[in-house]
Protein backbone atom coordinates (compact mmCIF):
# COMPACT_ATOMS: atom_id res chain seq x y z
CA UNK A 1 109.62 125.25 158.04
CA UNK A 2 108.95 129.31 157.86
CA UNK A 3 106.30 130.35 155.54
CA UNK A 4 106.74 133.92 153.77
CA UNK A 5 103.63 135.62 152.34
CA UNK A 6 105.36 137.71 149.91
CA UNK A 7 108.55 136.27 148.48
CA UNK A 8 110.50 137.84 145.70
CA UNK A 9 114.02 136.62 145.76
CA UNK A 10 113.32 134.69 142.48
CA UNK A 11 112.92 136.53 139.02
CA UNK A 12 110.34 134.92 136.79
CA UNK A 13 112.68 132.65 134.22
CA UNK A 14 111.09 132.36 131.00
CA UNK A 15 112.82 128.94 130.52
CA UNK A 16 110.66 127.57 133.18
CA UNK A 17 107.27 128.96 131.93
CA UNK A 18 104.65 126.51 130.33
CA UNK A 19 103.28 127.24 126.87
CA UNK A 20 99.93 129.08 126.93
CA UNK A 21 96.75 126.90 125.99
CA UNK A 22 96.41 128.61 122.32
CA UNK A 23 99.99 127.77 121.62
CA UNK A 24 99.80 124.12 122.87
CA UNK A 25 96.62 123.90 120.61
CA UNK A 26 98.09 125.41 117.42
CA UNK A 27 101.23 122.94 117.76
CA UNK A 28 98.90 119.93 118.49
CA UNK A 29 96.99 120.90 115.40
CA UNK A 30 100.02 120.82 113.06
CA UNK A 31 101.10 117.44 114.81
CA UNK A 32 97.60 115.92 113.95
CA UNK A 33 98.14 116.87 110.28
CA UNK A 34 101.35 115.12 110.41
CA UNK A 35 103.65 118.04 109.87
CA UNK A 36 107.34 117.37 110.76
CA UNK A 37 108.64 118.62 113.82
CA UNK A 38 111.58 120.27 112.34
CA UNK A 39 109.04 122.35 110.03
CA UNK A 40 107.12 123.42 113.20
CA UNK A 41 110.43 124.39 114.92
CA UNK A 42 111.46 126.38 111.97
CA UNK A 43 108.32 128.28 111.51
CA UNK A 44 108.23 128.96 115.52
CA UNK A 45 111.68 130.61 115.44
CA UNK A 46 111.14 132.47 112.04
CA UNK A 47 108.02 134.14 113.59
CA UNK A 48 110.17 136.38 116.10
CA UNK A 49 110.29 139.73 114.26
CA UNK A 50 111.08 141.92 117.15
CA UNK A 51 113.10 141.19 120.19
CA UNK A 52 110.53 142.67 122.33
CA UNK A 53 108.13 139.88 121.19
CA UNK A 54 110.21 137.10 122.49
CA UNK A 55 108.10 134.70 124.82
CA UNK A 56 108.31 131.16 125.79
CA UNK A 57 107.36 129.95 122.53
CA UNK A 58 110.51 130.64 120.87
CA UNK A 59 112.24 128.54 123.42
CA UNK A 60 110.50 125.31 121.99
CA UNK A 61 112.58 122.58 121.71
CA UNK A 62 112.39 118.94 120.07
CA UNK A 63 111.76 117.62 123.49
CA UNK A 64 108.60 119.84 123.94
CA UNK A 65 107.34 118.77 120.82
CA UNK A 66 108.00 115.21 121.54
CA UNK A 67 106.06 115.31 124.95
CA UNK A 68 103.20 117.00 123.05
CA UNK A 69 103.24 114.44 120.34
CA UNK A 70 102.82 111.91 122.90
CA UNK A 71 99.83 113.57 124.31
CA UNK A 72 98.52 113.93 120.81
CA UNK A 73 98.81 110.51 119.93
CA UNK A 74 97.48 109.17 123.04
CA UNK A 75 94.33 111.10 122.58
CA UNK A 76 93.97 109.78 119.06
CA UNK A 77 94.61 106.19 119.68
CA UNK A 78 92.93 105.79 123.10
CA UNK A 79 89.20 105.79 123.56
CA UNK A 80 89.65 105.98 127.33
CA UNK A 81 92.15 106.59 129.92
CA UNK A 82 91.48 102.94 131.30
CA UNK A 83 93.31 100.67 128.94
CA UNK A 84 90.74 97.73 129.50
CA UNK A 85 87.81 100.27 128.65
CA UNK A 86 90.01 101.46 125.83
CA UNK A 87 90.43 98.21 123.99
CA UNK A 88 86.66 97.28 124.62
CA UNK A 89 85.50 100.31 123.16
CA UNK A 90 88.00 100.22 119.98
CA UNK A 91 86.99 96.50 119.25
CA UNK A 92 83.22 97.74 119.23
CA UNK A 93 84.18 100.40 117.14
CA UNK A 94 86.30 98.23 114.51
CA UNK A 95 83.02 95.71 114.37
CA UNK A 96 81.04 98.48 112.52
CA UNK A 97 83.69 97.92 109.64
CA UNK A 98 82.11 94.54 108.93
CA UNK A 99 84.31 92.88 106.27
CA UNK A 100 87.18 95.24 106.72
CA UNK A 101 87.36 94.68 110.60
CA UNK A 102 90.87 94.06 111.41
CA UNK A 103 89.99 92.22 114.71
CA UNK A 104 89.44 88.71 114.05
CA UNK A 105 89.10 87.50 117.81
CA UNK A 106 88.96 89.31 121.10
CA UNK A 107 88.70 87.62 124.72
CA UNK A 108 88.99 90.01 127.52
CA UNK A 109 90.08 89.08 130.95
CA UNK A 110 87.51 88.52 133.65
CA UNK A 111 85.02 87.29 131.14
CA UNK A 112 84.01 83.76 130.09
CA UNK A 113 84.92 83.02 126.38
CA UNK A 114 81.83 83.64 124.01
CA UNK A 115 83.61 81.67 120.77
CA UNK A 116 82.03 78.70 119.59
CA UNK A 117 85.27 76.81 119.23
CA UNK A 118 84.97 73.35 121.14
CA UNK A 119 88.60 73.27 121.44
CA UNK A 120 88.87 76.58 123.10
CA UNK A 121 91.70 76.50 125.80
CA UNK A 122 90.78 80.08 127.18
CA UNK A 123 89.55 80.69 130.59
CA UNK A 124 87.91 83.60 132.50
CA UNK A 125 91.44 84.97 133.57
CA UNK A 126 93.01 84.58 129.97
CA UNK A 127 93.24 87.54 127.37
CA UNK A 128 93.68 87.35 123.70
CA UNK A 129 93.41 89.73 120.85
CA UNK A 130 93.96 88.71 117.18
CA UNK A 131 94.48 91.32 114.65
CA UNK A 132 95.19 91.07 110.95
CA UNK A 133 93.91 93.82 108.51
CA UNK A 134 92.24 93.09 105.15
CA UNK A 135 95.21 93.82 103.05
CA UNK A 136 97.38 91.38 105.27
CA UNK A 137 94.64 88.80 104.85
CA UNK A 138 94.24 89.21 101.12
CA UNK A 139 97.60 90.39 99.74
CA UNK A 140 100.09 88.85 102.38
CA UNK A 141 98.91 85.55 103.34
CA UNK A 142 99.34 83.81 100.09
CA UNK A 143 103.20 84.16 100.64
CA UNK A 144 102.86 81.70 103.74
CA UNK A 145 102.77 78.64 100.80
CA UNK A 146 106.41 79.03 100.62
CA UNK A 147 107.78 80.54 104.03
CA UNK A 148 105.99 80.81 107.54
CA UNK A 149 107.67 82.92 110.17
CA UNK A 150 106.65 83.37 113.56
CA UNK A 151 108.19 84.81 117.04
CA UNK A 152 106.80 86.35 120.20
CA UNK A 153 107.92 89.31 122.03
CA UNK A 154 107.48 89.81 125.91
CA UNK A 155 108.09 91.90 129.12
CA UNK A 156 107.66 94.89 126.59
CA UNK A 157 104.34 96.28 128.65
CA UNK A 158 103.28 96.61 132.19
CA UNK A 159 100.64 93.99 131.74
CA UNK A 160 103.02 91.16 130.91
CA UNK A 161 101.13 90.39 127.61
CA UNK A 162 102.89 88.92 124.73
CA UNK A 163 102.89 89.89 121.24
CA UNK A 164 103.09 86.91 118.65
CA UNK A 165 103.41 87.79 114.83
CA UNK A 166 102.98 85.32 112.18
CA UNK A 167 104.80 86.67 109.07
CA UNK A 168 106.30 85.43 105.84
CA UNK A 169 108.45 86.85 102.89
CA UNK A 170 107.36 88.66 99.99
CA UNK A 171 108.02 88.39 96.55
CA UNK A 172 110.94 90.93 96.77
CA UNK A 173 112.39 89.19 99.73
CA UNK A 174 111.07 91.34 102.63
CA UNK A 175 109.70 90.06 105.52
CA UNK A 176 106.05 91.00 106.23
CA UNK A 177 103.49 90.56 108.99
CA UNK A 178 100.57 88.34 108.33
CA UNK A 179 98.63 88.71 111.71
CA UNK A 180 99.44 89.53 115.41
CA UNK A 181 98.22 87.57 118.51
CA UNK A 182 98.25 89.62 121.77
CA UNK A 183 97.96 87.10 124.78
CA UNK A 184 98.74 86.41 128.58
CA UNK A 185 100.23 83.36 127.80
CA UNK A 186 102.15 81.75 124.84
CA UNK A 187 101.62 78.11 125.41
CA UNK A 188 101.03 75.54 122.56
CA UNK A 189 97.31 75.54 123.24
CA UNK A 190 97.28 79.34 122.82
CA UNK A 191 99.24 79.11 119.53
CA UNK A 192 96.76 76.48 117.96
CA UNK A 193 93.84 79.12 119.24
CA UNK A 194 95.48 81.64 117.27
CA UNK A 195 95.80 79.49 114.26
CA UNK A 196 92.45 78.37 114.51
CA UNK A 197 91.10 81.76 114.39
CA UNK A 198 93.17 82.90 111.73
CA UNK A 199 92.85 79.92 109.28
CA UNK A 200 89.01 80.46 108.08
CA UNK A 201 89.42 84.26 107.88
CA UNK A 202 92.14 84.52 105.39
CA UNK A 203 91.34 84.92 101.79
CA UNK A 204 93.66 82.00 100.96
CA UNK A 205 93.75 79.53 103.60
CA UNK A 206 96.63 78.65 105.37
CA UNK A 207 98.10 75.26 104.17
CA UNK A 208 101.23 73.57 104.76
CA UNK A 209 104.39 75.63 104.07
CA UNK A 210 107.82 74.70 102.48
CA UNK A 211 109.74 76.55 105.23
CA UNK A 212 108.72 77.15 108.68
CA UNK A 213 110.92 79.35 111.09
CA UNK A 214 110.76 80.26 114.70
CA UNK A 215 112.77 80.78 117.85
CA UNK A 216 113.85 77.67 119.57
CA UNK A 217 110.68 77.09 121.71
CA UNK A 218 108.94 73.80 120.39
CA UNK A 219 105.43 74.92 120.78
CA UNK A 220 105.17 76.96 117.54
CA UNK A 221 106.17 74.33 114.98
CA UNK A 222 104.10 71.58 117.63
CA UNK A 223 100.95 73.78 117.19
CA UNK A 224 101.55 74.33 113.32
CA UNK A 225 102.33 70.77 112.42
CA UNK A 226 98.90 69.49 114.38
CA UNK A 227 96.91 71.98 112.11
CA UNK A 228 98.73 72.29 108.93
CA UNK A 229 100.71 69.12 108.81
CA UNK A 230 104.87 68.62 108.18
CA UNK A 231 106.64 71.35 106.60
CA UNK A 232 109.51 70.39 104.28
CA UNK A 233 112.32 72.54 106.41
CA UNK A 234 112.12 73.75 109.57
CA UNK A 235 114.46 76.41 110.74
CA UNK A 236 115.39 78.15 113.91
CA UNK A 237 115.70 82.20 113.78
CA UNK A 238 119.67 82.77 113.48
CA UNK A 239 119.17 85.51 116.18
CA UNK A 240 117.82 83.15 118.69
CA UNK A 241 120.24 80.29 117.90
CA UNK A 242 123.32 82.94 118.36
CA UNK A 243 121.78 83.92 121.43
CA UNK A 244 121.39 80.46 122.69
CA UNK A 245 125.05 79.64 121.63
CA UNK A 246 126.28 82.77 123.44
CA UNK A 247 124.39 81.67 126.45
CA UNK A 248 125.80 77.96 126.07
CA UNK A 249 129.20 78.22 125.32
CA UNK A 250 130.39 78.85 129.03
CA UNK A 251 133.63 76.84 128.68
CA UNK A 252 136.56 77.13 130.91
CA UNK A 253 138.78 80.27 129.51
CA UNK A 254 137.71 83.15 127.49
CA UNK A 255 140.05 82.44 124.68
CA UNK A 256 138.57 79.06 124.26
CA UNK A 257 134.96 80.13 124.69
CA UNK A 258 135.51 82.62 121.63
CA UNK A 259 137.34 79.84 119.78
CA UNK A 260 134.19 77.40 120.37
CA UNK A 261 131.67 80.41 119.35
CA UNK A 262 133.86 81.13 115.97
CA UNK A 263 133.73 77.38 115.12
CA UNK A 264 130.02 77.27 115.50
CA UNK A 265 129.34 80.18 113.37
CA UNK A 266 131.93 79.20 110.75
CA UNK A 267 129.85 75.76 110.63
CA UNK A 268 126.51 77.41 110.55
CA UNK A 269 127.37 79.76 107.15
CA UNK A 270 128.41 76.30 105.45
CA UNK A 271 125.72 76.04 102.65
CA UNK A 272 126.97 72.75 100.96
CA UNK A 273 125.46 69.61 102.71
CA UNK A 274 128.46 67.30 102.27
CA UNK A 275 130.99 69.84 103.38
CA UNK A 276 128.93 70.90 106.32
CA UNK A 277 128.55 67.06 107.55
CA UNK A 278 132.63 66.58 107.50
CA UNK A 279 133.04 69.99 109.24
CA UNK A 280 130.47 69.31 111.72
CA UNK A 281 131.79 65.74 112.54
CA UNK A 282 135.18 67.12 112.86
CA UNK A 283 134.15 69.85 115.33
CA UNK A 284 132.29 67.29 117.17
CA UNK A 285 135.24 65.21 117.82
CA UNK A 286 137.51 68.12 118.95
CA UNK A 287 134.88 69.35 121.47
CA UNK A 288 134.49 65.82 123.06
CA UNK A 289 138.32 65.38 123.20
CA UNK A 290 138.64 68.48 125.21
CA UNK A 291 137.75 68.32 128.80
CA UNK A 292 136.93 71.94 128.94
CA UNK A 293 134.44 71.96 126.00
CA UNK A 294 132.80 68.26 126.46
CA UNK A 295 129.97 69.74 128.48
CA UNK A 296 129.03 72.11 125.56
CA UNK A 297 128.91 69.08 122.87
CA UNK A 298 126.79 67.03 125.54
CA UNK A 299 124.34 69.90 125.72
CA UNK A 300 124.43 69.98 121.57
CA UNK A 301 123.72 66.15 121.57
CA UNK A 302 120.90 66.40 124.27
CA UNK A 303 119.15 69.48 122.78
CA UNK A 304 119.53 68.80 119.06
CA UNK A 305 120.00 65.15 118.70
CA UNK A 306 123.07 63.36 118.14
CA UNK A 307 124.01 64.73 114.73
CA UNK A 308 124.82 68.48 114.25
CA UNK A 309 122.64 69.41 111.38
């Protein structure tokens, strides 16, 4: 390695220079005021009156603004650079809102649970955060009399915490979230804990519902049934059913595999009960007679009973 005290081979390329502090501050202020990225870019470019005034600011791109926006949003939403500390600070801050507090329950990891629920399943290593805004509790919860929708997402953060959303469908037919639960597990006991926290906090208490829809995990409905009783109808989310079918229709030959999948989709879209029963029985017989598709119909019989419905 050779060290040169004075090296002048490269010119100062303006493209690789950083924005000065005052320029970053000006843009950050406008982003905090919810001004659009396009309007900021237009103003910056229109500010160039003479070629001699050209500087790094006039090379501003959307990518620069998105990077700055992420920094601004982080500072606005995070009370501390450490996520564990930040969440604790925000929870304490929300407590000052009294009845308007959106945090209904908080159990941090590495601390014993302080709730007074004798059925609480949380240990020192468990995390749970239950959130529902006053609007959700007062205006959206009543829709759960008719429909309850619940689903979880996982693998979307570094901590492997899962987000469980309890929702419904409003009078306009639009899906609406009623409450959120962020936790390190989604077991039947955790879901029951979520429901027990939520139930007394709602303006209109959760009751049994006409329609309950979830993914294909049994924990959700089992937990619901224990606290609220049987629902008139229990459905699986179409997206999850379709995904499961795609995974399980691994029959010999791509053409036959596609044919089975199309038959399942056609069957799923039949709304007339009598016609559905006839079509389901026909498809079942067809799959059982074919040696290549027989394992799939055995899977259906095992996982959903001996009747397709």
